[in-house]
Amino acid sequence: TVQDCAQVFILTHNYDFLHLIINWLNNRAYKNKSQFYMIKNKMNDGKRVAKLDVLDKLLKNFTSEYQYLFKLLYNFSPDGTIDSVYHIPNVARKVLDSFLTIMIPDDSNAYQKLEQIDFDKNKKTAIYKFTNDQSHITGKGFDPSLVSESQNVIAYLLEMMKTAFPGHYAILENSIRSSESSTSG
């Protein structure tokens, strides 16, 4: 059994499972012995490389990945390459879906919820198109315009969140600052 092992590695893409493991280990004798890591990918000399890093505190300390995904968008700074933005449409879609569920907790679809948000209609259209179309890329590959589109739409999404629910946005910003200050301290 696992409890008899000196060391166990668990790899997952499933946040719910990760959080279940974190809670389980934090409520057992392993609490101060457990360490959590994440794999981060980046481009290096035109090649994608993976690096093992300490699990972000927002993923470890919150019951949802929402704060962490918001942090990715909040700190988004593309380098002009498609490689730096290919994941952004999916992240933006997850953040938008969570935000809309918080703002309008009914059974309407994302488009209907977005329509109810008091914000610039053209920017809402760009947000919807980007999160709906770009997060479901098919075999055609990525369009180079994704880089500039990502910059614009992420700015719109963050602006909409801040405008529609400033207190919520401030809490998200504070969670980022708190996680970063506890990392450096």
N, C-alpha and C. Protein backbone atom coordinates (compact mmCIF):
# COMPACT_ATOMS: atom_id res chain seq x y z
N THR A 1 0.84 -1.19 0.00
CA THR A 1 0.00 0.00 0.00
C THR A 1 0.87 1.24 0.00
N VAL A 2 0.29 2.35 -0.33
CA VAL A 2 1.02 3.62 -0.40
C VAL A 2 1.56 4.03 0.98
N GLN A 3 0.82 3.76 2.03
CA GLN A 3 1.26 4.21 3.35
C GLN A 3 2.57 3.54 3.79
N ASP A 4 2.93 2.44 3.18
CA ASP A 4 4.18 1.76 3.52
C ASP A 4 5.35 2.22 2.66
N CYS A 5 5.11 3.07 1.67
CA CYS A 5 6.16 3.54 0.77
C CYS A 5 6.93 4.71 1.37
N ALA A 6 8.20 4.78 1.06
CA ALA A 6 9.01 5.91 1.52
C ALA A 6 8.82 7.12 0.61
N GLN A 7 8.47 6.87 -0.64
CA GLN A 7 8.31 7.97 -1.58
C GLN A 7 7.29 7.56 -2.64
N VAL A 8 6.38 8.49 -2.95
CA VAL A 8 5.35 8.23 -3.95
C VAL A 8 5.28 9.43 -4.87
N PHE A 9 5.20 9.17 -6.17
CA PHE A 9 5.01 10.22 -7.16
C PHE A 9 3.62 10.06 -7.75
N ILE A 10 2.86 11.14 -7.75
CA ILE A 10 1.53 11.13 -8.35
C ILE A 10 1.50 12.26 -9.37
N LEU A 11 1.20 11.92 -10.60
CA LEU A 11 1.13 12.91 -11.68
C LEU A 11 -0.31 12.98 -12.16
N THR A 12 -0.83 14.18 -12.33
CA THR A 12 -2.20 14.32 -12.79
C THR A 12 -2.39 15.65 -13.52
N HIS A 13 -3.35 15.67 -14.44
CA HIS A 13 -3.83 16.89 -15.06
C HIS A 13 -5.17 17.31 -14.44
N ASN A 14 -5.69 16.48 -13.59
CA ASN A 14 -7.02 16.69 -13.04
C ASN A 14 -6.93 17.46 -11.72
N TYR A 15 -7.40 18.70 -11.74
CA TYR A 15 -7.27 19.54 -10.56
C TYR A 15 -8.07 18.99 -9.37
N ASP A 16 -9.24 18.46 -9.62
CA ASP A 16 -10.04 17.91 -8.52
C ASP A 16 -9.29 16.76 -7.83
N PHE A 17 -8.67 15.90 -8.63
CA PHE A 17 -7.90 14.80 -8.05
C PHE A 17 -6.69 15.34 -7.29
N LEU A 18 -6.00 16.33 -7.86
CA LEU A 18 -4.85 16.95 -7.18
C LEU A 18 -5.26 17.49 -5.82
N HIS A 19 -6.37 18.20 -5.79
CA HIS A 19 -6.81 18.79 -4.52
C HIS A 19 -7.23 17.71 -3.52
N LEU A 20 -7.80 16.65 -4.00
CA LEU A 20 -8.13 15.53 -3.13
C LEU A 20 -6.86 14.96 -2.49
N ILE A 21 -5.82 14.79 -3.29
CA ILE A 21 -4.53 14.28 -2.78
C ILE A 21 -3.92 15.26 -1.79
N ILE A 22 -3.93 16.55 -2.11
CA ILE A 22 -3.38 17.56 -1.20
C ILE A 22 -4.11 17.51 0.14
N ASN A 23 -5.42 17.48 0.10
CA ASN A 23 -6.20 17.42 1.35
C ASN A 23 -5.91 16.14 2.13
N TRP A 24 -5.83 15.04 1.43
CA TRP A 24 -5.57 13.76 2.08
C TRP A 24 -4.20 13.78 2.77
N LEU A 25 -3.19 14.26 2.07
CA LEU A 25 -1.85 14.29 2.65
C LEU A 25 -1.73 15.32 3.78
N ASN A 26 -2.44 16.41 3.66
CA ASN A 26 -2.39 17.43 4.72
C ASN A 26 -3.13 17.01 5.99
N ASN A 27 -3.96 16.01 5.89
CA ASN A 27 -4.71 15.53 7.05
C ASN A 27 -4.13 14.23 7.61
N ARG A 28 -2.94 13.92 7.25
CA ARG A 28 -2.31 12.68 7.69
C ARG A 28 -0.93 12.99 8.29
N ALA A 29 -0.25 11.98 8.66
CA ALA A 29 1.09 12.11 9.24
C ALA A 29 2.10 12.67 8.23
N TYR A 30 1.73 12.72 6.95
CA TYR A 30 2.63 13.18 5.90
C TYR A 30 2.63 14.70 5.75
N LYS A 31 1.83 15.38 6.53
CA LYS A 31 1.59 16.81 6.33
C LYS A 31 2.87 17.61 6.12
N ASN A 32 3.83 17.49 6.99
CA ASN A 32 5.04 18.28 6.86
C ASN A 32 6.12 17.60 6.04
N LYS A 33 5.83 16.40 5.56
CA LYS A 33 6.79 15.66 4.75
C LYS A 33 6.45 15.73 3.26
N SER A 34 5.25 16.11 2.92
CA SER A 34 4.80 16.12 1.53
C SER A 34 5.28 17.37 0.81
N GLN A 35 5.67 17.18 -0.42
CA GLN A 35 6.06 18.29 -1.28
C GLN A 35 5.28 18.17 -2.58
N PHE A 36 4.89 19.32 -3.12
CA PHE A 36 4.08 19.33 -4.32
C PHE A 36 4.78 20.15 -5.40
N TYR A 37 4.79 19.61 -6.60
CA TYR A 37 5.47 20.25 -7.71
C TYR A 37 4.55 20.31 -8.92
N MET A 38 4.95 21.12 -9.88
CA MET A 38 4.23 21.21 -11.13
C MET A 38 5.26 21.26 -12.26
N ILE A 39 4.84 20.83 -13.42
CA ILE A 39 5.70 20.89 -14.59
C ILE A 39 5.33 22.15 -15.35
N LYS A 40 6.33 22.97 -15.61
CA LYS A 40 6.12 24.20 -16.39
C LYS A 40 6.85 24.03 -17.72
N ASN A 41 6.19 24.43 -18.78
CA ASN A 41 6.78 24.34 -20.12
C ASN A 41 7.14 25.72 -20.62
N LYS A 42 8.22 25.78 -21.36
CA LYS A 42 8.62 27.03 -22.00
C LYS A 42 9.42 26.69 -23.24
N MET A 43 9.62 27.67 -24.08
CA MET A 43 10.41 27.49 -25.28
C MET A 43 11.84 27.93 -25.00
N ASN A 44 12.79 27.14 -25.45
CA ASN A 44 14.21 27.44 -25.27
C ASN A 44 14.90 27.08 -26.58
N ASP A 45 15.42 28.10 -27.26
CA ASP A 45 16.07 27.89 -28.57
C ASP A 45 15.18 27.16 -29.55
N GLY A 46 13.90 27.52 -29.58
CA GLY A 46 12.97 26.93 -30.51
C GLY A 46 12.45 25.56 -30.13
N LYS A 47 12.83 25.09 -28.96
CA LYS A 47 12.38 23.78 -28.51
C LYS A 47 11.59 23.93 -27.22
N ARG A 48 10.53 23.15 -27.12
CA ARG A 48 9.72 23.15 -25.90
C ARG A 48 10.42 22.31 -24.85
N VAL A 49 10.64 22.90 -23.69
CA VAL A 49 11.29 22.18 -22.59
C VAL A 49 10.41 22.24 -21.35
N ALA A 50 10.52 21.22 -20.53
CA ALA A 50 9.74 21.13 -19.31
C ALA A 50 10.67 21.31 -18.12
N LYS A 51 10.15 21.96 -17.09
CA LYS A 51 10.92 22.22 -15.87
C LYS A 51 10.04 21.85 -14.68
N LEU A 52 10.62 21.18 -13.72
CA LEU A 52 9.91 20.87 -12.49
C LEU A 52 10.05 22.06 -11.56
N ASP A 53 8.92 22.54 -11.02
CA ASP A 53 8.92 23.70 -10.15
C ASP A 53 7.98 23.44 -8.98
N VAL A 54 8.12 24.19 -7.94
CA VAL A 54 7.24 24.08 -6.78
C VAL A 54 5.81 24.42 -7.22
N LEU A 55 4.85 23.65 -6.73
CA LEU A 55 3.45 23.89 -7.06
C LEU A 55 3.05 25.30 -6.62
N ASP A 56 2.44 26.04 -7.51
CA ASP A 56 2.00 27.39 -7.19
C ASP A 56 1.07 27.37 -5.99
N LYS A 57 1.27 28.30 -5.07
CA LYS A 57 0.47 28.35 -3.84
C LYS A 57 -1.02 28.52 -4.11
N LEU A 58 -1.36 29.16 -5.21
CA LEU A 58 -2.78 29.33 -5.54
C LEU A 58 -3.42 27.99 -5.88
N LEU A 59 -2.67 27.08 -6.47
CA LEU A 59 -3.19 25.75 -6.76
C LEU A 59 -3.25 24.90 -5.50
N LYS A 60 -2.32 25.12 -4.61
CA LYS A 60 -2.26 24.32 -3.39
C LYS A 60 -3.28 24.78 -2.35
N ASN A 61 -3.52 26.08 -2.26
CA ASN A 61 -4.31 26.63 -1.16
C ASN A 61 -5.79 26.87 -1.44
N PHE A 62 -6.20 26.79 -2.70
CA PHE A 62 -7.60 27.05 -3.03
C PHE A 62 -8.27 25.79 -3.56
N THR A 63 -9.56 25.69 -3.34
CA THR A 63 -10.30 24.50 -3.76
C THR A 63 -10.65 24.51 -5.24
N SER A 64 -10.30 25.56 -5.93
CA SER A 64 -10.53 25.64 -7.37
C SER A 64 -9.27 26.21 -8.02
N GLU A 65 -9.13 25.96 -9.31
CA GLU A 65 -7.97 26.49 -10.03
C GLU A 65 -8.22 27.91 -10.54
N TYR A 66 -9.36 28.47 -10.22
CA TYR A 66 -9.77 29.79 -10.72
C TYR A 66 -8.74 30.87 -10.41
N GLN A 67 -8.28 30.96 -9.17
CA GLN A 67 -7.32 32.00 -8.80
C GLN A 67 -6.01 31.85 -9.58
N TYR A 68 -5.56 30.61 -9.75
CA TYR A 68 -4.33 30.37 -10.49
C TYR A 68 -4.49 30.76 -11.96
N LEU A 69 -5.59 30.36 -12.56
CA LEU A 69 -5.82 30.69 -13.96
C LEU A 69 -5.96 32.20 -14.15
N PHE A 70 -6.62 32.87 -13.20
CA PHE A 70 -6.69 34.33 -13.25
C PHE A 70 -5.28 34.91 -13.21
N LYS A 71 -4.44 34.37 -12.35
CA LYS A 71 -3.05 34.83 -12.24
C LYS A 71 -2.32 34.71 -13.57
N LEU A 72 -2.54 33.60 -14.28
CA LEU A 72 -1.90 33.43 -15.59
C LEU A 72 -2.30 34.55 -16.55
N LEU A 73 -3.58 34.90 -16.53
CA LEU A 73 -4.05 35.98 -17.41
C LEU A 73 -3.56 37.34 -16.91
N TYR A 74 -3.61 37.55 -15.63
CA TYR A 74 -3.22 38.82 -15.03
C TYR A 74 -1.74 39.12 -15.30
N ASN A 75 -0.92 38.09 -15.27
CA ASN A 75 0.53 38.25 -15.50
C ASN A 75 0.92 37.96 -16.95
N PHE A 76 -0.06 37.79 -17.82
CA PHE A 76 0.19 37.43 -19.21
C PHE A 76 1.04 38.48 -19.91
N SER A 77 2.15 38.04 -20.45
CA SER A 77 3.06 38.92 -21.17
C SER A 77 3.71 38.12 -22.29
N PRO A 78 3.05 38.06 -23.46
CA PRO A 78 3.59 37.24 -24.54
C PRO A 78 4.89 37.81 -25.10
N ASP A 79 5.69 36.93 -25.65
CA ASP A 79 6.97 37.38 -26.23
C ASP A 79 6.89 37.58 -27.73
N GLY A 80 5.69 37.55 -28.28
CA GLY A 80 5.50 37.75 -29.71
C GLY A 80 5.42 36.46 -30.51
N THR A 81 5.55 35.34 -29.83
CA THR A 81 5.49 34.05 -30.51
C THR A 81 4.18 33.33 -30.19
N ILE A 82 3.78 32.48 -31.11
CA ILE A 82 2.58 31.68 -30.88
C ILE A 82 2.79 30.76 -29.68
N ASP A 83 4.02 30.30 -29.50
CA ASP A 83 4.31 29.41 -28.37
C ASP A 83 3.97 30.04 -27.02
N SER A 84 4.08 31.36 -26.95
CA SER A 84 3.81 32.03 -25.67
C SER A 84 2.32 32.27 -25.43
N VAL A 85 1.49 31.99 -26.44
CA VAL A 85 0.05 32.25 -26.29
C VAL A 85 -0.85 31.06 -26.60
N TYR A 86 -0.28 29.95 -27.04
CA TYR A 86 -1.14 28.86 -27.50
C TYR A 86 -2.11 28.37 -26.43
N HIS A 87 -1.75 28.47 -25.17
CA HIS A 87 -2.60 27.98 -24.07
C HIS A 87 -3.61 29.03 -23.58
N ILE A 88 -3.42 30.26 -23.96
CA ILE A 88 -4.22 31.37 -23.44
C ILE A 88 -5.71 31.27 -23.76
N PRO A 89 -6.12 30.88 -24.97
CA PRO A 89 -7.58 30.78 -25.20
C PRO A 89 -8.27 29.81 -24.24
N ASN A 90 -7.65 28.68 -23.92
CA ASN A 90 -8.25 27.74 -22.98
C ASN A 90 -8.29 28.30 -21.57
N VAL A 91 -7.23 28.96 -21.17
CA VAL A 91 -7.20 29.58 -19.84
C VAL A 91 -8.28 30.65 -19.76
N ALA A 92 -8.36 31.49 -20.79
CA ALA A 92 -9.36 32.56 -20.80
C ALA A 92 -10.78 31.99 -20.76
N ARG A 93 -11.02 30.91 -21.48
CA ARG A 93 -12.36 30.29 -21.48
C ARG A 93 -12.72 29.78 -20.09
N LYS A 94 -11.77 29.15 -19.41
CA LYS A 94 -12.05 28.64 -18.06
C LYS A 94 -12.30 29.79 -17.09
N VAL A 95 -11.51 30.85 -17.18
CA VAL A 95 -11.71 32.01 -16.30
C VAL A 95 -13.05 32.66 -16.60
N LEU A 96 -13.36 32.86 -17.87
CA LEU A 96 -14.63 33.48 -18.24
C LEU A 96 -15.80 32.63 -17.75
N ASP A 97 -15.75 31.32 -17.96
CA ASP A 97 -16.84 30.45 -17.52
C ASP A 97 -17.05 30.55 -16.01
N SER A 98 -15.96 30.53 -15.26
CA SER A 98 -16.08 30.63 -13.80
C SER A 98 -16.64 31.98 -13.40
N PHE A 99 -16.11 33.04 -14.00
CA PHE A 99 -16.58 34.39 -13.68
C PHE A 99 -18.07 34.55 -13.99
N LEU A 100 -18.49 34.06 -15.14
CA LEU A 100 -19.90 34.18 -15.52
C LEU A 100 -20.80 33.36 -14.60
N THR A 101 -20.30 32.22 -14.15
CA THR A 101 -21.08 31.40 -13.21
C THR A 101 -21.25 32.12 -11.87
N ILE A 102 -20.22 32.85 -11.46
CA ILE A 102 -20.30 33.63 -10.22
C ILE A 102 -21.26 34.81 -10.40
N MET A 103 -21.14 35.49 -11.53
CA MET A 103 -21.96 36.68 -11.77
C MET A 103 -23.43 36.34 -12.03
N ILE A 104 -23.65 35.28 -12.79
CA ILE A 104 -25.01 34.92 -13.19
C ILE A 104 -25.21 33.43 -12.94
N PRO A 105 -25.52 33.05 -11.71
CA PRO A 105 -25.61 31.64 -11.35
C PRO A 105 -26.93 30.99 -11.75
N ASP A 106 -27.16 30.96 -13.05
CA ASP A 106 -28.36 30.29 -13.54
C ASP A 106 -27.95 29.26 -14.60
N ASP A 107 -28.92 28.70 -15.30
CA ASP A 107 -28.61 27.64 -16.26
C ASP A 107 -28.46 28.14 -17.70
N SER A 108 -28.32 29.44 -17.89
CA SER A 108 -28.13 29.96 -19.24
C SER A 108 -26.70 29.64 -19.72
N ASN A 109 -26.51 29.69 -21.03
CA ASN A 109 -25.19 29.38 -21.58
C ASN A 109 -24.26 30.59 -21.46
N ALA A 110 -23.01 30.39 -21.79
CA ALA A 110 -22.00 31.45 -21.63
C ALA A 110 -22.36 32.70 -22.44
N TYR A 111 -22.85 32.51 -23.66
CA TYR A 111 -23.23 33.65 -24.48
C TYR A 111 -24.34 34.46 -23.82
N GLN A 112 -25.36 33.77 -23.33
CA GLN A 112 -26.49 34.45 -22.68
C GLN A 112 -26.04 35.18 -21.42
N LYS A 113 -25.16 34.57 -20.67
CA LYS A 113 -24.65 35.21 -19.45
C LYS A 113 -23.82 36.44 -19.80
N LEU A 114 -22.97 36.29 -20.80
CA LEU A 114 -22.12 37.42 -21.22
C LEU A 114 -22.97 38.60 -21.69
N GLU A 115 -24.06 38.31 -22.34
CA GLU A 115 -24.97 39.36 -22.80
C GLU A 115 -25.55 40.17 -21.63
N GLN A 116 -25.67 39.55 -20.48
CA GLN A 116 -26.24 40.23 -19.31
C GLN A 116 -25.24 41.12 -18.57
N ILE A 117 -23.96 40.99 -18.89
CA ILE A 117 -22.93 41.81 -18.23
C ILE A 117 -22.93 43.20 -18.86
N ASP A 118 -22.96 44.22 -18.03
CA ASP A 118 -22.95 45.60 -18.50
C ASP A 118 -21.51 45.99 -18.84
N PHE A 119 -21.19 45.87 -20.13
CA PHE A 119 -19.83 46.16 -20.60
C PHE A 119 -19.89 46.40 -22.11
N ASP A 120 -18.87 46.99 -22.65
CA ASP A 120 -18.78 47.31 -24.07
C ASP A 120 -19.13 46.09 -24.94
N LYS A 121 -20.14 46.25 -25.79
CA LYS A 121 -20.65 45.13 -26.60
C LYS A 121 -19.58 44.58 -27.55
N ASN A 122 -18.79 45.44 -28.19
CA ASN A 122 -17.76 44.98 -29.12
C ASN A 122 -16.68 44.18 -28.39
N LYS A 123 -16.32 44.62 -27.20
CA LYS A 123 -15.32 43.89 -26.42
C LYS A 123 -15.87 42.55 -25.95
N LYS A 124 -17.14 42.52 -25.57
CA LYS A 124 -17.77 41.25 -25.17
C LYS A 124 -17.80 40.28 -26.35
N THR A 125 -18.08 40.79 -27.54
CA THR A 125 -18.09 39.94 -28.73
C THR A 125 -16.70 39.36 -28.98
N ALA A 126 -15.69 40.19 -28.84
CA ALA A 126 -14.31 39.72 -29.04
C ALA A 126 -13.94 38.67 -27.99
N ILE A 127 -14.35 38.89 -26.76
CA ILE A 127 -14.08 37.93 -25.69
C ILE A 127 -14.76 36.60 -26.00
N TYR A 128 -16.03 36.65 -26.38
CA TYR A 128 -16.78 35.42 -26.66
C TYR A 128 -16.17 34.68 -27.84
N LYS A 129 -15.90 35.39 -28.90
CA LYS A 129 -15.33 34.77 -30.11
C LYS A 129 -14.00 34.11 -29.78
N PHE A 130 -13.15 34.82 -29.09
CA PHE A 130 -11.82 34.30 -28.74
C PHE A 130 -11.91 33.06 -27.86
N THR A 131 -12.70 33.13 -26.80
CA THR A 131 -12.78 32.01 -25.86
C THR A 131 -13.53 30.83 -26.45
N ASN A 132 -14.45 31.09 -27.36
CA ASN A 132 -15.21 30.00 -27.96
C ASN A 132 -14.48 29.39 -29.15
N ASP A 133 -14.01 30.23 -30.06
CA ASP A 133 -13.38 29.73 -31.29
C ASP A 133 -11.93 29.29 -31.09
N GLN A 134 -11.14 30.12 -30.43
CA GLN A 134 -9.71 29.83 -30.31
C GLN A 134 -9.40 28.71 -29.33
N SER A 135 -10.29 28.45 -28.38
CA SER A 135 -10.02 27.37 -27.43
C SER A 135 -10.40 26.02 -28.00
N HIS A 136 -10.96 26.01 -29.18
CA HIS A 136 -11.36 24.75 -29.83
C HIS A 136 -10.67 24.62 -31.19
N ILE A 137 -9.38 24.92 -31.22
CA ILE A 137 -8.62 24.85 -32.46
C ILE A 137 -8.65 23.41 -32.99
N THR A 138 -8.86 23.31 -34.30
CA THR A 138 -8.85 21.99 -34.93
C THR A 138 -7.48 21.75 -35.55
N GLY A 139 -7.38 20.86 -36.49
CA GLY A 139 -6.09 20.49 -37.08
C GLY A 139 -5.44 21.56 -37.93
N LYS A 140 -6.09 22.70 -38.12
CA LYS A 140 -5.52 23.73 -38.99
C LYS A 140 -4.31 24.42 -38.38
N GLY A 141 -4.09 24.29 -37.10
CA GLY A 141 -2.97 24.97 -36.47
C GLY A 141 -3.36 26.35 -35.99
N PHE A 142 -2.36 27.07 -35.54
CA PHE A 142 -2.61 28.39 -34.96
C PHE A 142 -2.33 29.48 -35.97
N ASP A 143 -3.20 30.46 -35.98
CA ASP A 143 -3.06 31.64 -36.81
C ASP A 143 -2.09 32.60 -36.12
N PRO A 144 -1.11 33.16 -36.85
CA PRO A 144 -0.16 34.10 -36.22
C PRO A 144 -0.84 35.31 -35.57
N SER A 145 -2.05 35.64 -36.00
CA SER A 145 -2.76 36.77 -35.39
C SER A 145 -3.17 36.47 -33.95
N LEU A 146 -3.04 35.21 -33.54
CA LEU A 146 -3.39 34.82 -32.18
C LEU A 146 -2.60 35.61 -31.14
N VAL A 147 -1.36 35.98 -31.48
CA VAL A 147 -0.51 36.71 -30.53
C VAL A 147 -1.14 38.06 -30.18
N SER A 148 -1.42 38.88 -31.20
CA SER A 148 -1.99 40.20 -30.92
C SER A 148 -3.43 40.09 -30.42
N GLU A 149 -4.17 39.13 -30.95
CA GLU A 149 -5.55 38.93 -30.50
C GLU A 149 -5.57 38.56 -29.02
N SER A 150 -4.64 37.72 -28.60
CA SER A 150 -4.57 37.32 -27.19
C SER A 150 -4.33 38.52 -26.30
N GLN A 151 -3.40 39.36 -26.68
CA GLN A 151 -3.11 40.56 -25.88
C GLN A 151 -4.35 41.43 -25.73
N ASN A 152 -5.04 41.67 -26.82
CA ASN A 152 -6.23 42.53 -26.79
C ASN A 152 -7.36 41.91 -25.98
N VAL A 153 -7.66 40.66 -26.25
CA VAL A 153 -8.82 40.04 -25.61
C VAL A 153 -8.58 39.82 -24.12
N ILE A 154 -7.38 39.47 -23.73
CA ILE A 154 -7.12 39.29 -22.29
C ILE A 154 -7.27 40.63 -21.58
N ALA A 155 -6.82 41.69 -22.20
CA ALA A 155 -7.02 43.03 -21.61
C ALA A 155 -8.51 43.33 -21.48
N TYR A 156 -9.31 42.99 -22.51
CA TYR A 156 -10.76 43.21 -22.44
C TYR A 156 -11.39 42.37 -21.33
N LEU A 157 -11.01 41.12 -21.25
CA LEU A 157 -11.58 40.22 -20.24
C LEU A 157 -11.29 40.73 -18.83
N LEU A 158 -10.05 41.11 -18.58
CA LEU A 158 -9.70 41.63 -17.25
C LEU A 158 -10.43 42.94 -16.97
N GLU A 159 -10.53 43.79 -17.98
CA GLU A 159 -11.26 45.06 -17.82
C GLU A 159 -12.73 44.80 -17.50
N MET A 160 -13.33 43.84 -18.20
CA MET A 160 -14.73 43.51 -17.96
C MET A 160 -14.93 42.99 -16.54
N MET A 161 -14.05 42.10 -16.11
CA MET A 161 -14.17 41.54 -14.76
C MET A 161 -14.05 42.65 -13.71
N LYS A 162 -13.09 43.54 -13.93
CA LYS A 162 -12.88 44.63 -12.96
C LYS A 162 -14.05 45.61 -12.96
N THR A 163 -14.60 45.88 -14.13
CA THR A 163 -15.73 46.81 -14.25
C THR A 163 -17.01 46.20 -13.67
N ALA A 164 -17.27 44.94 -14.01
CA ALA A 164 -18.53 44.30 -13.61
C ALA A 164 -18.57 43.93 -12.14
N PHE A 165 -17.41 43.61 -11.56
CA PHE A 165 -17.40 43.12 -10.18
C PHE A 165 -16.07 43.54 -9.53
N PRO A 166 -15.92 44.85 -9.24
CA PRO A 166 -14.64 45.36 -8.75
C PRO A 166 -14.17 44.72 -7.43
N GLY A 167 -15.08 44.42 -6.54
CA GLY A 167 -14.69 43.79 -5.27
C GLY A 167 -14.11 42.40 -5.49
N HIS A 168 -14.72 41.65 -6.36
CA HIS A 168 -14.25 40.31 -6.73
C HIS A 168 -12.86 40.40 -7.35
N TYR A 169 -12.70 41.34 -8.27
CA TYR A 169 -11.42 41.53 -8.96
C TYR A 169 -10.33 41.89 -7.95
N ALA A 170 -10.64 42.75 -7.02
CA ALA A 170 -9.66 43.15 -5.99
C ALA A 170 -9.24 41.95 -5.14
N ILE A 171 -10.18 41.08 -4.83
CA ILE A 171 -9.84 39.87 -4.06
C ILE A 171 -8.91 38.97 -4.87
N LEU A 172 -9.17 38.82 -6.16
CA LEU A 172 -8.30 38.02 -7.01
C LEU A 172 -6.90 38.63 -7.08
N GLU A 173 -6.83 39.95 -7.25
CA GLU A 173 -5.52 40.61 -7.26
C GLU A 173 -4.79 40.39 -5.94
N ASN A 174 -5.50 40.50 -4.85
CA ASN A 174 -4.91 40.31 -3.53
C ASN A 174 -4.41 38.87 -3.34
N SER A 175 -5.14 37.90 -3.88
CA SER A 175 -4.70 36.51 -3.76
C SER A 175 -3.37 36.30 -4.49
N ILE A 176 -3.20 36.98 -5.61
CA ILE A 176 -1.94 36.90 -6.35
C ILE A 176 -0.81 37.53 -5.52
N ARG A 177 -1.06 38.73 -5.02
CA ARG A 177 -0.02 39.41 -4.22
C ARG A 177 0.34 38.58 -3.00
N SER A 178 -0.65 38.04 -2.33
CA SER A 178 -0.41 37.24 -1.12
C SER A 178 0.41 35.99 -1.44
N SER A 179 0.08 35.34 -2.54
CA SER A 179 0.82 34.12 -2.90
C SER A 179 2.24 34.43 -3.31
N GLU A 180 2.44 35.56 -3.96
CA GLU A 180 3.78 35.94 -4.40
C GLU A 180 4.63 36.43 -3.24
N SER A 181 4.02 37.15 -2.29
CA SER A 181 4.79 37.65 -1.16
C SER A 181 5.16 36.52 -0.21
N SER A 182 4.31 35.51 -0.08
CA SER A 182 4.64 34.39 0.80
C SER A 182 5.68 33.48 0.14
N THR A 183 5.81 33.56 -1.19
CA THR A 183 6.81 32.78 -1.89
C THR A 183 8.19 33.40 -1.71
N SER A 184 8.24 34.72 -1.79
CA SER A 184 9.53 35.40 -1.71
C SER A 184 10.00 35.61 -0.28
N GLY A 185 9.10 35.45 0.70
CA GLY A 185 9.44 35.72 2.09
C GLY A 185 9.90 34.56 2.88
